[in-house]
Amino acid sequence: MSPITPTPASLGPAHLRSVYLQRLQRLLRLRRQHEPELNSQGIRLLDRSLFAAYCACRDVGAEEEARAILRTANIHVDPPGRELLSAS
């Protein structure tokens, strides 16, 4: 019998935050390691994945930690709503 894999709903809030922050760090590592061999579509895919991971962190209350991780990689996320302000 195989072990049961926990679903996000069954994990505690602290563990969920940790999982999402680790995912964000892993995607950053992948981008750094493979950037020289990726074309623009590959970079864009990784960047979209990074943004989705950041949003997941934000949704579980780990926005400040996620922003700190992104800052160390020189990636800056605009404050919420700024995109809307600049588009109008």
Protein backbone atom coordinates (compact mmCIF):
# COMPACT_ATOMS: atom_id res chain seq x y z
CA MET A 1 0.00 0.00 0.00
CA SER A 2 1.34 3.44 -0.89
CA PRO A 3 1.46 6.28 1.64
CA ILE A 4 -1.29 8.88 1.46
CA THR A 5 -0.11 12.23 0.15
CA PRO A 6 -1.58 15.13 2.12
CA THR A 7 -3.70 17.61 0.19
CA PRO A 8 -3.32 21.37 0.73
CA ALA A 9 -6.62 21.41 2.64
CA SER A 10 -5.27 18.87 5.15
CA LEU A 11 -2.05 20.79 5.88
CA GLY A 12 -1.83 23.32 8.70
CA PRO A 13 -1.41 27.02 7.86
CA ALA A 14 2.25 27.16 8.91
CA HIS A 15 3.13 24.07 6.89
CA LEU A 16 1.24 25.39 3.87
CA ARG A 17 3.16 28.69 4.04
CA SER A 18 6.41 26.76 4.18
CA VAL A 19 5.48 24.60 1.18
CA TYR A 20 4.54 27.62 -0.95
CA LEU A 21 7.67 29.56 0.01
CA GLN A 22 9.83 26.54 -0.82
CA ARG A 23 8.10 26.26 -4.20
CA LEU A 24 8.89 29.91 -4.91
CA GLN A 25 12.56 29.37 -4.00
CA ARG A 26 12.75 26.26 -6.17
CA LEU A 27 11.33 28.07 -9.20
CA LEU A 28 13.86 30.87 -8.72
CA ARG A 29 16.66 28.31 -8.58
CA LEU A 30 15.39 26.67 -11.77
CA ARG A 31 15.23 30.01 -13.54
CA ARG A 32 18.78 30.93 -12.49
CA GLN A 33 20.21 27.53 -13.41
CA HIS A 34 18.51 27.15 -16.79
CA GLU A 35 18.20 30.74 -18.02
CA PRO A 36 21.17 30.44 -20.43
CA GLU A 37 19.64 27.44 -22.19
CA LEU A 38 16.03 28.68 -22.38
CA ASN A 39 14.45 30.68 -25.17
CA SER A 40 12.12 33.60 -24.47
CA GLN A 41 9.08 31.32 -24.22
CA GLY A 42 10.78 29.15 -21.63
CA ILE A 43 11.74 32.20 -19.57
CA ARG A 44 8.19 33.54 -19.83
CA LEU A 45 6.77 30.21 -18.67
CA LEU A 46 9.06 30.20 -15.64
CA ASP A 47 8.24 33.83 -14.89
CA ARG A 48 4.51 33.08 -14.99
CA SER A 49 5.10 30.12 -12.68
CA LEU A 50 7.04 32.39 -10.32
CA PHE A 51 4.19 34.87 -10.28
CA ALA A 52 1.66 32.10 -9.59
CA ALA A 53 3.84 30.85 -6.73
CA TYR A 54 4.08 34.40 -5.37
CA CYS A 55 0.27 34.72 -5.53
CA ALA A 56 -0.11 31.43 -3.65
CA CYS A 57 2.24 32.74 -0.95
CA ARG A 58 0.25 35.95 -0.77
CA ASP A 59 -3.01 34.00 -0.45
CA VAL A 60 -1.75 32.09 2.59
CA GLY A 61 -0.39 35.18 4.33
CA ALA A 62 3.28 34.85 3.37
CA GLU A 63 3.46 37.89 1.09
CA GLU A 64 6.25 39.66 2.98
CA GLU A 65 8.41 36.53 3.03
CA ALA A 66 7.77 35.97 -0.68
CA ARG A 67 8.65 39.58 -1.49
CA ALA A 68 11.90 39.22 0.48
CA ILE A 69 12.79 36.09 -1.49
CA LEU A 70 12.07 37.85 -4.77
CA ARG A 71 14.03 40.95 -3.70
CA THR A 72 17.14 38.84 -3.11
CA ALA A 73 16.82 37.68 -6.72
CA ASN A 74 16.37 41.29 -7.93
CA ILE A 75 12.76 40.63 -8.94
CA HIS A 76 10.34 43.32 -7.86
CA VAL A 77 6.59 42.92 -7.61
CA ASP A 78 4.53 46.09 -7.86
CA PRO A 79 2.23 46.82 -4.94
CA PRO A 80 -1.32 45.51 -5.43
CA GLY A 81 -3.40 47.73 -7.68
CA ARG A 82 -0.43 49.54 -9.24
CA GLU A 83 -0.93 47.73 -12.54
CA LEU A 84 -4.47 49.10 -12.65
CA LEU A 85 -3.29 52.62 -11.89
CA SER A 86 -0.68 52.61 -14.63
CA ALA A 87 -3.08 51.14 -17.22
CA SER A 88 -5.68 53.91 -16.91
